[in-house]
Amino acid sequence: LYYCAKGVRPLLVFRTDWEDEYDYWGQGT
């Protein structure tokens, strides 16, 4: 199931708790 996700900032940040960099998610396809 593939989801799109909105970041919390203009740039990508990669860290251990990566899900915390996204605040909204779609329903999935």
PDB file of all heavy atoms in Angstrom:
ATOM      1  N   LEU A   1       0.864  -1.169   0.000  1.00  0.00           N
ATOM      2  CA  LEU A   1       0.000   0.000   0.000  1.00  0.00           C
ATOM      3  C   LEU A   1       0.907   1.227   0.000  1.00  0.00           C
ATOM      4  O   LEU A   1       1.742   1.382   0.894  1.00  0.00           O
ATOM      5  CB  LEU A   1      -0.908  -0.010   1.225  1.00  0.00           C
ATOM      6  CG  LEU A   1      -1.993   1.053   1.295  1.00  0.00           C
ATOM      7  CD1 LEU A   1      -2.995   0.873   0.157  1.00  0.00           C
ATOM      8  CD2 LEU A   1      -2.712   0.983   2.638  1.00  0.00           C
ATOM      9  N   TYR A   2       0.755   2.074  -1.007  1.00  0.00           N
ATOM     10  CA  TYR A   2       1.616   3.238  -1.176  1.00  0.00           C
ATOM     11  C   TYR A   2       0.923   4.501  -0.688  1.00  0.00           C
ATOM     12  O   TYR A   2      -0.205   4.792  -1.075  1.00  0.00           O
ATOM     13  CB  TYR A   2       2.008   3.402  -2.649  1.00  0.00           C
ATOM     14  CG  TYR A   2       3.094   2.453  -3.084  1.00  0.00           C
ATOM     15  CD1 TYR A   2       2.839   1.092  -3.208  1.00  0.00           C
ATOM     16  CD2 TYR A   2       4.382   2.911  -3.361  1.00  0.00           C
ATOM     17  CE1 TYR A   2       3.838   0.213  -3.591  1.00  0.00           C
ATOM     18  CE2 TYR A   2       5.385   2.032  -3.750  1.00  0.00           C
ATOM     19  CZ  TYR A   2       5.108   0.689  -3.860  1.00  0.00           C
ATOM     20  OH  TYR A   2       6.102  -0.179  -4.247  1.00  0.00           O
ATOM     21  N   TYR A   3       1.621   5.260   0.140  1.00  0.00           N
ATOM     22  CA  TYR A   3       1.105   6.491   0.716  1.00  0.00           C
ATOM     23  C   TYR A   3       1.935   7.688   0.261  1.00  0.00           C
ATOM     24  O   TYR A   3       3.153   7.597   0.162  1.00  0.00           O
ATOM     25  CB  TYR A   3       1.186   6.464   2.245  1.00  0.00           C
ATOM     26  CG  TYR A   3       0.398   5.378   2.928  1.00  0.00           C
ATOM     27  CD1 TYR A   3       0.991   4.169   3.244  1.00  0.00           C
ATOM     28  CD2 TYR A   3      -0.922   5.583   3.292  1.00  0.00           C
ATOM     29  CE1 TYR A   3       0.283   3.171   3.894  1.00  0.00           C
ATOM     30  CE2 TYR A   3      -1.637   4.593   3.945  1.00  0.00           C
ATOM     31  CZ  TYR A   3      -1.034   3.397   4.243  1.00  0.00           C
ATOM     32  OH  TYR A   3      -1.746   2.415   4.899  1.00  0.00           O
ATOM     33  N   CYS A   4       1.291   8.821   0.040  1.00  0.00           N
ATOM     34  CA  CYS A   4       2.040  10.064  -0.062  1.00  0.00           C
ATOM     35  C   CYS A   4       1.964  10.777   1.274  1.00  0.00           C
ATOM     36  O   CYS A   4       1.012  10.614   2.037  1.00  0.00           O
ATOM     37  CB  CYS A   4       1.552  10.955  -1.205  1.00  0.00           C
ATOM     38  SG  CYS A   4      -0.108  11.630  -1.032  1.00  0.00           S
ATOM     39  N   ALA A   5       3.003  11.546   1.577  1.00  0.00           N
ATOM     40  CA  ALA A   5       3.116  12.190   2.877  1.00  0.00           C
ATOM     41  C   ALA A   5       3.652  13.601   2.716  1.00  0.00           C
ATOM     42  O   ALA A   5       4.562  13.845   1.918  1.00  0.00           O
ATOM     43  CB  ALA A   5       4.038  11.385   3.793  1.00  0.00           C
ATOM     44  N   LYS A   6       3.103  14.527   3.477  1.00  0.00           N
ATOM     45  CA  LYS A   6       3.516  15.921   3.490  1.00  0.00           C
ATOM     46  C   LYS A   6       4.611  16.129   4.511  1.00  0.00           C
ATOM     47  O   LYS A   6       4.445  15.789   5.687  1.00  0.00           O
ATOM     48  CB  LYS A   6       2.331  16.823   3.830  1.00  0.00           C
ATOM     49  CG  LYS A   6       2.709  18.272   4.050  1.00  0.00           C
ATOM     50  CD  LYS A   6       1.546  19.063   4.617  1.00  0.00           C
ATOM     51  CE  LYS A   6       1.981  20.462   5.040  1.00  0.00           C
ATOM     52  NZ  LYS A   6       2.904  20.422   6.208  1.00  0.00           N
ATOM     53  N   GLY A   7       5.735  16.697   4.084  1.00  0.00           N
ATOM     54  CA  GLY A   7       6.807  17.038   4.988  1.00  0.00           C
ATOM     55  C   GLY A   7       6.455  18.233   5.853  1.00  0.00           C
ATOM     56  O   GLY A   7       5.487  18.953   5.595  1.00  0.00           O
ATOM     57  N   VAL A   8       7.242  18.452   6.892  1.00  0.00           N
ATOM     58  CA  VAL A   8       7.032  19.567   7.799  1.00  0.00           C
ATOM     59  C   VAL A   8       7.907  20.768   7.461  1.00  0.00           C
ATOM     60  O   VAL A   8       7.789  21.810   8.114  1.00  0.00           O
ATOM     61  CB  VAL A   8       7.270  19.160   9.270  1.00  0.00           C
ATOM     62  CG1 VAL A   8       6.338  18.021   9.664  1.00  0.00           C
ATOM     63  CG2 VAL A   8       8.726  18.779   9.511  1.00  0.00           C
ATOM     64  N   ARG A   9       8.750  20.640   6.450  1.00  0.00           N
ATOM     65  CA  ARG A   9       9.663  21.700   6.052  1.00  0.00           C
ATOM     66  C   ARG A   9       9.939  21.608   4.553  1.00  0.00           C
ATOM     67  O   ARG A   9       9.590  20.602   3.926  1.00  0.00           O
ATOM     68  CB  ARG A   9      10.954  21.612   6.889  1.00  0.00           C
ATOM     69  CG  ARG A   9      11.727  20.338   6.666  1.00  0.00           C
ATOM     70  CD  ARG A   9      12.895  20.206   7.647  1.00  0.00           C
ATOM     71  NE  ARG A   9      12.495  19.513   8.862  1.00  0.00           N
ATOM     72  CZ  ARG A   9      12.418  20.073  10.059  1.00  0.00           C
ATOM     73  NH1 ARG A   9      12.730  21.354  10.219  1.00  0.00           N
ATOM     74  NH2 ARG A   9      12.044  19.351  11.099  1.00  0.00           N
ATOM     75  N   PRO A  10      10.558  22.626   3.931  1.00  0.00           N
ATOM     76  CA  PRO A  10      10.773  22.582   2.475  1.00  0.00           C
ATOM     77  C   PRO A  10      11.765  21.517   2.022  1.00  0.00           C
ATOM     78  O   PRO A  10      11.676  21.052   0.880  1.00  0.00           O
ATOM     79  CB  PRO A  10      11.320  23.978   2.148  1.00  0.00           C
ATOM     80  CG  PRO A  10      10.882  24.839   3.280  1.00  0.00           C
ATOM     81  CD  PRO A  10      10.898  23.951   4.482  1.00  0.00           C
ATOM     82  N   LEU A  11      12.702  21.154   2.891  1.00  0.00           N
ATOM     83  CA  LEU A  11      13.745  20.210   2.537  1.00  0.00           C
ATOM     84  C   LEU A  11      13.499  18.863   3.194  1.00  0.00           C
ATOM     85  O   LEU A  11      12.786  18.752   4.184  1.00  0.00           O
ATOM     86  CB  LEU A  11      15.119  20.738   2.954  1.00  0.00           C
ATOM     87  CG  LEU A  11      15.480  22.162   2.524  1.00  0.00           C
ATOM     88  CD1 LEU A  11      16.891  22.492   2.991  1.00  0.00           C
ATOM     89  CD2 LEU A  11      15.359  22.328   1.024  1.00  0.00           C
ATOM     90  N   LEU A  12      14.105  17.825   2.650  1.00  0.00           N
ATOM     91  CA  LEU A  12      14.050  16.506   3.247  1.00  0.00           C
ATOM     92  C   LEU A  12      15.092  16.389   4.348  1.00  0.00           C
ATOM     93  O   LEU A  12      16.220  16.841   4.188  1.00  0.00           O
ATOM     94  CB  LEU A  12      14.305  15.430   2.199  1.00  0.00           C
ATOM     95  CG  LEU A  12      13.268  15.290   1.092  1.00  0.00           C
ATOM     96  CD1 LEU A  12      13.807  14.390  -0.013  1.00  0.00           C
ATOM     97  CD2 LEU A  12      11.959  14.737   1.645  1.00  0.00           C
ATOM     98  N   VAL A  13      14.702  15.780   5.446  1.00  0.00           N
ATOM     99  CA  VAL A  13      15.599  15.504   6.553  1.00  0.00           C
ATOM    100  C   VAL A  13      15.482  14.025   6.882  1.00  0.00           C
ATOM    101  O   VAL A  13      14.375  13.516   7.071  1.00  0.00           O
ATOM    102  CB  VAL A  13      15.271  16.361   7.786  1.00  0.00           C
ATOM    103  CG1 VAL A  13      16.130  15.939   8.977  1.00  0.00           C
ATOM    104  CG2 VAL A  13      15.475  17.833   7.485  1.00  0.00           C
ATOM    105  N   PHE A  14      16.614  13.351   6.953  1.00  0.00           N
ATOM    106  CA  PHE A  14      16.635  11.918   7.201  1.00  0.00           C
ATOM    107  C   PHE A  14      17.163  11.657   8.605  1.00  0.00           C
ATOM    108  O   PHE A  14      18.279  12.060   8.938  1.00  0.00           O
ATOM    109  CB  PHE A  14      17.496  11.207   6.154  1.00  0.00           C
ATOM    110  CG  PHE A  14      17.022  11.433   4.748  1.00  0.00           C
ATOM    111  CD1 PHE A  14      17.573  12.445   3.971  1.00  0.00           C
ATOM    112  CD2 PHE A  14      16.020  10.654   4.209  1.00  0.00           C
ATOM    113  CE1 PHE A  14      17.126  12.666   2.682  1.00  0.00           C
ATOM    114  CE2 PHE A  14      15.566  10.864   2.911  1.00  0.00           C
ATOM    115  CZ  PHE A  14      16.118  11.876   2.152  1.00  0.00           C
ATOM    116  N   ARG A  15      16.384  10.991   9.400  1.00  0.00           N
ATOM    117  CA  ARG A  15      16.767  10.680  10.765  1.00  0.00           C
ATOM    118  C   ARG A  15      16.110   9.375  11.179  1.00  0.00           C
ATOM    119  O   ARG A  15      15.249   8.846  10.474  1.00  0.00           O
ATOM    120  CB  ARG A  15      16.386  11.815  11.711  1.00  0.00           C
ATOM    121  CG  ARG A  15      14.898  12.082  11.806  1.00  0.00           C
ATOM    122  CD  ARG A  15      14.647  13.409  12.490  1.00  0.00           C
ATOM    123  NE  ARG A  15      13.300  13.496  13.053  1.00  0.00           N
ATOM    124  CZ  ARG A  15      12.745  14.612  13.473  1.00  0.00           C
ATOM    125  NH1 ARG A  15      13.412  15.763  13.405  1.00  0.00           N
ATOM    126  NH2 ARG A  15      11.515  14.598  13.978  1.00  0.00           N
ATOM    127  N   THR A  16      16.513   8.862  12.338  1.00  0.00           N
ATOM    128  CA  THR A  16      16.029   7.565  12.791  1.00  0.00           C
ATOM    129  C   THR A  16      14.502   7.526  12.870  1.00  0.00           C
ATOM    130  O   THR A  16      13.873   6.595  12.364  1.00  0.00           O
ATOM    131  CB  THR A  16      16.640   7.211  14.152  1.00  0.00           C
ATOM    132  OG1 THR A  16      18.062   7.182  14.042  1.00  0.00           O
ATOM    133  CG2 THR A  16      16.150   5.851  14.617  1.00  0.00           C
ATOM    134  N   ASP A  17      13.920   8.524  13.499  1.00  0.00           N
ATOM    135  CA  ASP A  17      12.464   8.602  13.599  1.00  0.00           C
ATOM    136  C   ASP A  17      11.921   9.393  12.416  1.00  0.00           C
ATOM    137  O   ASP A  17      11.327  10.465  12.571  1.00  0.00           O
ATOM    138  CB  ASP A  17      12.053   9.228  14.919  1.00  0.00           C
ATOM    139  CG  ASP A  17      12.438   8.391  16.115  1.00  0.00           C
ATOM    140  OD1 ASP A  17      12.429   7.150  16.001  1.00  0.00           O
ATOM    141  OD2 ASP A  17      12.748   8.967  17.176  1.00  0.00           O
ATOM    142  N   TRP A  18      12.089   8.830  11.226  1.00  0.00           N
ATOM    143  CA  TRP A  18      11.801   9.569  10.006  1.00  0.00           C
ATOM    144  C   TRP A  18      10.334   9.962   9.872  1.00  0.00           C
ATOM    145  O   TRP A  18      10.024  10.980   9.241  1.00  0.00           O
ATOM    146  CB  TRP A  18      12.242   8.772   8.768  1.00  0.00           C
ATOM    147  CG  TRP A  18      11.487   7.488   8.545  1.00  0.00           C
ATOM    148  CD1 TRP A  18      11.807   6.255   9.023  1.00  0.00           C
ATOM    149  CD2 TRP A  18      10.294   7.325   7.784  1.00  0.00           C
ATOM    150  NE1 TRP A  18      10.882   5.328   8.597  1.00  0.00           N
ATOM    151  CE2 TRP A  18       9.942   5.960   7.840  1.00  0.00           C
ATOM    152  CE3 TRP A  18       9.485   8.204   7.049  1.00  0.00           C
ATOM    153  CZ2 TRP A  18       8.815   5.445   7.192  1.00  0.00           C
ATOM    154  CZ3 TRP A  18       8.361   7.706   6.403  1.00  0.00           C
ATOM    155  CH2 TRP A  18       8.045   6.337   6.484  1.00  0.00           C
ATOM    156  N   GLU A  19       9.436   9.171  10.450  1.00  0.00           N
ATOM    157  CA  GLU A  19       8.008   9.482  10.350  1.00  0.00           C
ATOM    158  C   GLU A  19       7.661  10.820  10.988  1.00  0.00           C
ATOM    159  O   GLU A  19       6.655  11.431  10.617  1.00  0.00           O
ATOM    160  CB  GLU A  19       7.178   8.371  10.976  1.00  0.00           C
ATOM    161  CG  GLU A  19       7.259   7.054  10.227  1.00  0.00           C
ATOM    162  CD  GLU A  19       6.436   5.958  10.876  1.00  0.00           C
ATOM    163  OE1 GLU A  19       5.330   6.264  11.367  1.00  0.00           O
ATOM    164  OE2 GLU A  19       6.891   4.809  10.892  1.00  0.00           O
ATOM    165  N   ASP A  20       8.478  11.291  11.910  1.00  0.00           N
ATOM    166  CA  ASP A  20       8.237  12.572  12.562  1.00  0.00           C
ATOM    167  C   ASP A  20       8.445  13.757  11.625  1.00  0.00           C
ATOM    168  O   ASP A  20       8.071  14.879  11.957  1.00  0.00           O
ATOM    169  CB  ASP A  20       9.131  12.735  13.789  1.00  0.00           C
ATOM    170  CG  ASP A  20       8.766  11.801  14.919  1.00  0.00           C
ATOM    171  OD1 ASP A  20       7.647  11.249  14.897  1.00  0.00           O
ATOM    172  OD2 ASP A  20       9.591  11.621  15.833  1.00  0.00           O
ATOM    173  N   GLU A  21       9.049  13.505  10.464  1.00  0.00           N
ATOM    174  CA  GLU A  21       9.240  14.543   9.464  1.00  0.00           C
ATOM    175  C   GLU A  21       8.011  14.754   8.583  1.00  0.00           C
ATOM    176  O   GLU A  21       8.037  15.601   7.684  1.00  0.00           O
ATOM    177  CB  GLU A  21      10.444  14.219   8.581  1.00  0.00           C
ATOM    178  CG  GLU A  21      11.788  14.507   9.236  1.00  0.00           C
ATOM    179  CD  GLU A  21      12.018  15.996   9.409  1.00  0.00           C
ATOM    180  OE1 GLU A  21      11.877  16.758   8.428  1.00  0.00           O
ATOM    181  OE2 GLU A  21      12.339  16.410  10.539  1.00  0.00           O
ATOM    182  N   TYR A  22       6.933  14.029   8.845  1.00  0.00           N
ATOM    183  CA  TYR A  22       5.720  14.105   8.032  1.00  0.00           C
ATOM    184  C   TYR A  22       4.513  14.261   8.940  1.00  0.00           C
ATOM    185  O   TYR A  22       4.355  13.515   9.911  1.00  0.00           O
ATOM    186  CB  TYR A  22       5.596  12.863   7.143  1.00  0.00           C
ATOM    187  CG  TYR A  22       6.814  12.701   6.278  1.00  0.00           C
ATOM    188  CD1 TYR A  22       7.907  11.967   6.711  1.00  0.00           C
ATOM    189  CD2 TYR A  22       6.896  13.344   5.053  1.00  0.00           C
ATOM    190  CE1 TYR A  22       9.050  11.873   5.940  1.00  0.00           C
ATOM    191  CE2 TYR A  22       8.037  13.255   4.278  1.00  0.00           C
ATOM    192  CZ  TYR A  22       9.110  12.523   4.731  1.00  0.00           C
ATOM    193  OH  TYR A  22      10.248  12.439   3.958  1.00  0.00           O
ATOM    194  N   ASP A  23       3.654  15.219   8.613  1.00  0.00           N
ATOM    195  CA  ASP A  23       2.519  15.502   9.485  1.00  0.00           C
ATOM    196  C   ASP A  23       1.162  15.132   8.893  1.00  0.00           C
ATOM    197  O   ASP A  23       0.171  15.109   9.634  1.00  0.00           O
ATOM    198  CB  ASP A  23       2.528  16.961   9.953  1.00  0.00           C
ATOM    199  CG  ASP A  23       2.563  17.976   8.822  1.00  0.00           C
ATOM    200  OD1 ASP A  23       2.608  17.588   7.637  1.00  0.00           O
ATOM    201  OD2 ASP A  23       2.546  19.184   9.137  1.00  0.00           O
ATOM    202  N   TYR A  24       1.096  14.847   7.596  1.00  0.00           N
ATOM    203  CA  TYR A  24      -0.145  14.400   6.986  1.00  0.00           C
ATOM    204  C   TYR A  24       0.134  13.292   5.998  1.00  0.00           C
ATOM    205  O   TYR A  24       1.148  13.308   5.285  1.00  0.00           O
ATOM    206  CB  TYR A  24      -0.882  15.556   6.292  1.00  0.00           C
ATOM    207  CG  TYR A  24      -1.448  16.567   7.256  1.00  0.00           C
ATOM    208  CD1 TYR A  24      -0.736  17.707   7.593  1.00  0.00           C
ATOM    209  CD2 TYR A  24      -2.693  16.363   7.844  1.00  0.00           C
ATOM    210  CE1 TYR A  24      -1.246  18.629   8.493  1.00  0.00           C
ATOM    211  CE2 TYR A  24      -3.210  17.275   8.742  1.00  0.00           C
ATOM    212  CZ  TYR A  24      -2.482  18.408   9.058  1.00  0.00           C
ATOM    213  OH  TYR A  24      -2.991  19.320   9.955  1.00  0.00           O
ATOM    214  N   TRP A  25      -0.802  12.345   5.937  1.00  0.00           N
ATOM    215  CA  TRP A  25      -0.680  11.172   5.082  1.00  0.00           C
ATOM    216  C   TRP A  25      -1.960  10.943   4.306  1.00  0.00           C
ATOM    217  O   TRP A  25      -3.057  11.216   4.797  1.00  0.00           O
ATOM    218  CB  TRP A  25      -0.391   9.927   5.919  1.00  0.00           C
ATOM    219  CG  TRP A  25       0.881  10.009   6.703  1.00  0.00           C
ATOM    220  CD1 TRP A  25       1.107  10.741   7.835  1.00  0.00           C
ATOM    221  CD2 TRP A  25       2.102   9.339   6.406  1.00  0.00           C
ATOM    222  NE1 TRP A  25       2.399  10.568   8.259  1.00  0.00           N
ATOM    223  CE2 TRP A  25       3.029   9.720   7.412  1.00  0.00           C
ATOM    224  CE3 TRP A  25       2.502   8.468   5.409  1.00  0.00           C
ATOM    225  CZ2 TRP A  25       4.342   9.238   7.428  1.00  0.00           C
ATOM    226  CZ3 TRP A  25       3.805   7.985   5.420  1.00  0.00           C
ATOM    227  CH2 TRP A  25       4.704   8.367   6.420  1.00  0.00           C
ATOM    228  N   GLY A  26      -1.844  10.431   3.106  1.00  0.00           N
ATOM    229  CA  GLY A  26      -3.009  10.051   2.334  1.00  0.00           C
ATOM    230  C   GLY A  26      -3.569   8.723   2.790  1.00  0.00           C
ATOM    231  O   GLY A  26      -3.066   8.093   3.732  1.00  0.00           O
ATOM    232  N   GLN A  27      -4.627   8.294   2.131  1.00  0.00           N
ATOM    233  CA  GLN A  27      -5.293   7.038   2.493  1.00  0.00           C
ATOM    234  C   GLN A  27      -4.606   5.814   1.900  1.00  0.00           C
ATOM    235  O   GLN A  27      -4.865   4.693   2.335  1.00  0.00           O
ATOM    236  CB  GLN A  27      -6.759   7.082   2.046  1.00  0.00           C
ATOM    237  CG  GLN A  27      -7.022   6.677   0.598  1.00  0.00           C
ATOM    238  CD  GLN A  27      -6.541   7.679  -0.430  1.00  0.00           C
ATOM    239  OE1 GLN A  27      -6.183   8.817  -0.107  1.00  0.00           O
ATOM    240  NE2 GLN A  27      -6.524   7.263  -1.696  1.00  0.00           N
ATOM    241  N   GLY A  28      -3.752   6.015   0.917  1.00  0.00           N
ATOM    242  CA  GLY A  28      -3.015   4.933   0.300  1.00  0.00           C
ATOM    243  C   GLY A  28      -3.659   4.416  -0.970  1.00  0.00           C
ATOM    244  O   GLY A  28      -4.870   4.473  -1.152  1.00  0.00           O
ATOM    245  N   THR A  29      -2.825   3.901  -1.864  1.00  0.00           N
ATOM    246  CA  THR A  29      -3.291   3.230  -3.069  1.00  0.00           C
ATOM    247  C   THR A  29      -2.529   1.913  -3.205  1.00  0.00           C
ATOM    248  O   THR A  29      -1.316   1.864  -3.016  1.00  0.00           O
ATOM    249  CB  THR A  29      -3.126   4.125  -4.319  1.00  0.00           C
ATOM    250  OG1 THR A  29      -3.712   3.478  -5.459  1.00  0.00           O
ATOM    251  CG2 THR A  29      -1.663   4.445  -4.604  1.00  0.00           C
TER     252      THR A  29
END
